[in-house]
Amino acid sequence: MARIEKLEIGPSEGSVHPSKVHARVKVFGDGPDGPIVQIDTFGSAGREIPGKLSQTIQLNKTTGQELLAILQRAYG
């Protein structure tokens, strides 16, 4: 699990990853960092244990707003 402290925009290069997974989003807490948005991803069908919790990231109010601005620029 990791709580993202800062987002930076990298170069506009990359490729679409072949694995597709399911994710669950949770919103909780109301401390000084604002609500926490947590995204859990689960192992793809090709993993040793498909569907097992794989990765978790958390965003606080600041990093959530940064991500929202990036998504708005990308998708309008």
Protein backbone atom coordinates (compact mmCIF):
# COMPACT_ATOMS: atom_id res chain seq x y z
CA MET A 1 0.00 0.00 0.00
CA ALA A 2 1.20 3.50 -0.72
CA ARG A 3 -0.19 6.94 -0.08
CA ILE A 4 0.70 9.21 -2.97
CA GLU A 5 2.30 12.39 -1.69
CA LYS A 6 2.89 14.20 -5.00
CA LEU A 7 1.98 13.69 -8.64
CA GLU A 8 4.16 14.79 -11.55
CA ILE A 9 3.34 14.68 -15.22
CA GLY A 10 5.85 12.58 -17.17
CA PRO A 11 6.58 12.39 -20.88
CA SER A 12 3.66 11.59 -23.15
CA GLU A 13 5.10 8.23 -24.16
CA GLY A 14 3.84 4.82 -23.22
CA SER A 15 1.85 1.84 -24.35
CA VAL A 16 -1.40 0.25 -23.31
CA HIS A 17 -0.76 -2.57 -20.83
CA PRO A 18 -2.11 -5.92 -22.02
CA SER A 19 -3.43 -7.03 -18.59
CA LYS A 20 -6.92 -5.98 -17.56
CA VAL A 21 -7.91 -5.99 -13.90
CA HIS A 22 -10.80 -5.00 -11.69
CA ALA A 23 -10.49 -2.23 -9.14
CA ARG A 24 -12.43 -1.08 -6.09
CA VAL A 25 -12.59 2.54 -4.96
CA LYS A 26 -13.24 3.54 -1.34
CA VAL A 27 -13.64 7.00 0.20
CA PHE A 28 -13.12 7.35 3.95
CA GLY A 29 -11.83 9.60 6.71
CA ASP A 30 -12.21 13.31 7.29
CA GLY A 31 -8.90 14.27 8.93
CA PRO A 32 -6.73 17.28 8.15
CA ASP A 33 -5.82 15.86 4.72
CA GLY A 34 -9.47 15.66 3.73
CA PRO A 35 -11.14 12.43 2.71
CA ILE A 36 -8.86 9.64 1.50
CA VAL A 37 -9.65 7.98 -1.83
CA GLN A 38 -8.26 4.45 -1.95
CA ILE A 39 -7.99 2.40 -5.14
CA ASP A 40 -7.42 -1.35 -4.77
CA THR A 41 -6.54 -3.44 -7.83
CA PHE A 42 -6.97 -7.20 -8.04
CA GLY A 43 -4.84 -9.76 -9.88
CA SER A 44 -5.60 -10.45 -13.52
CA ALA A 45 -6.80 -13.80 -14.82
CA GLY A 46 -3.21 -14.74 -15.71
CA ARG A 47 -1.85 -14.32 -12.16
CA GLU A 48 -1.05 -17.23 -9.86
CA ILE A 49 -4.02 -16.24 -7.67
CA PRO A 50 -6.49 -14.39 -9.93
CA GLY A 51 -8.64 -11.84 -8.12
CA LYS A 52 -6.26 -11.48 -5.14
CA LEU A 53 -5.70 -7.94 -3.88
CA SER A 54 -2.64 -6.79 -5.77
CA GLN A 55 -2.00 -3.08 -5.24
CA THR A 56 -3.47 -0.27 -3.18
CA ILE A 57 -2.92 3.45 -3.62
CA GLN A 58 -4.35 6.28 -1.57
CA LEU A 59 -4.92 9.92 -2.50
CA ASN A 60 -5.51 12.74 -0.03
CA LYS A 61 -7.37 15.92 -0.91
CA THR A 62 -4.32 17.59 -2.50
CA THR A 63 -3.22 14.66 -4.66
CA GLY A 64 -6.84 13.89 -5.53
CA GLN A 65 -7.27 17.43 -6.84
CA GLU A 66 -3.99 17.12 -8.78
CA LEU A 67 -5.20 13.88 -10.39
CA LEU A 68 -8.60 15.44 -11.16
CA ALA A 69 -6.88 18.33 -13.00
CA ILE A 70 -4.80 15.84 -15.02
CA LEU A 71 -7.90 13.80 -15.92
CA GLN A 72 -9.80 16.95 -16.94
CA ARG A 73 -6.93 17.97 -19.25
CA ALA A 74 -6.77 14.48 -20.74
CA TYR A 75 -10.49 13.85 -21.19
CA GLY A 76 -11.98 17.34 -21.26
